[in-house]
Amino acid sequence: MSYGLSSTWPVNPEAIVILLLLVVFYLLRLGRMRMQQKTVSIYRVLAFFSGIILAALVLLTPVDTIGRTQLFTVHIASLVVLVTVCSPLLLAGCPVVVLEPLIESPIVKQFMRVLTRPLLVSILFNVNFLLWHTPLIYNAAMADPALYHVQMLSIFLLSLLNWWPLIGSVQELRRMSYPVQMLYAFVDGQPVDIYAFVLVFCGVPLYPHYVIPTEFAIAAWNAVPAQMGLTPFADQSAAGALLLIPGLVDLLVMTPLFFRWLKQIERHTEAADQERQRLAELEEGEEDEWEDEEELPIAEIKPQ
């Protein structure tokens, strides 16, 4: 690859197994639905397989090796793609008819109900993300490819649950009002945003693994490039800036939720106005009937 970046393909059997399981499950569900004469929009199918392909490009190509051994920016960019692009695409590709097995079995349904609680999934995702990026654990993962792959996959899979309260297709497992959804989208992204600001403004490299001695870089620049001319802290700062992208995505998600909330308020207001108008007309009709009943005896009085 250019600039001396690694062209080594990673050995990541965990990612291969997980992606294959997702594809097999999806294809089996599509086959079952065809037998039941049910259909899924072609756009949803394209969204699902686009998410799978992007995840494979991140996890199964030299991009993975570069992010683990050479550039922290590539590592963060890979996570941003997995969390903010691949996960929403996979969920968008799975309408409720595809995920019916999640609610058919009472045991599975109850398990998924617990596993998709907004507070729980938010805590799980953020704690998992931040723990993996504490310097001690992160440097250990950089030295062990298998541990690094566990890190990437755990963040990726938990991001699916983290997105569920906002875009999950099974309504029985997603019961939040629009204001609560907006609050969730805002609060959920704060821990990662704070970590991103730490990366940008701390002033020192947090991960010695990416701090390559100048002498070593000059002697072996073909094998381990000196960060394409970047200093270790500049690499870290660029990564922090990239990590702010999910926060911007949260704002984009909150915008349609806000307008849907306004539309819902408008519908409720119109329905309340119509109900009040109906009750007023009903009361007016009852008053007219009472007046007619009171006037009737007077009209029937005949002079002697």
Foldseek 3Di string as FASTA:
>chain_A
DPQLQDFDWDDQVVLVVVLVVLVVLQVVLQVVCVVVVHDFDPQLVVLQVVLSVLLCCCQGGSLVVCCLQAFVLSVLVSLCCLQVRSLVSNQSSAACSSVVVCPPDPVSVVVLLVLLDQVVLLCQLLVLLVVCPQQVNVLVCSVPVNSVSVSSVSNNVSSNSNCCLQRHNPVVSHDDALVVLLVSLQVSLVSLLVVLVCLQPVPDQRHCSNQDDPVVCVVPVSNHNNNSPDGNSRSSNSSSVSSCVSVVVSVVSSVVSVVVNVVVVVVVVVVVVVVVVVVVVVVVVVVVVVVVVVCVVVVPDDDD
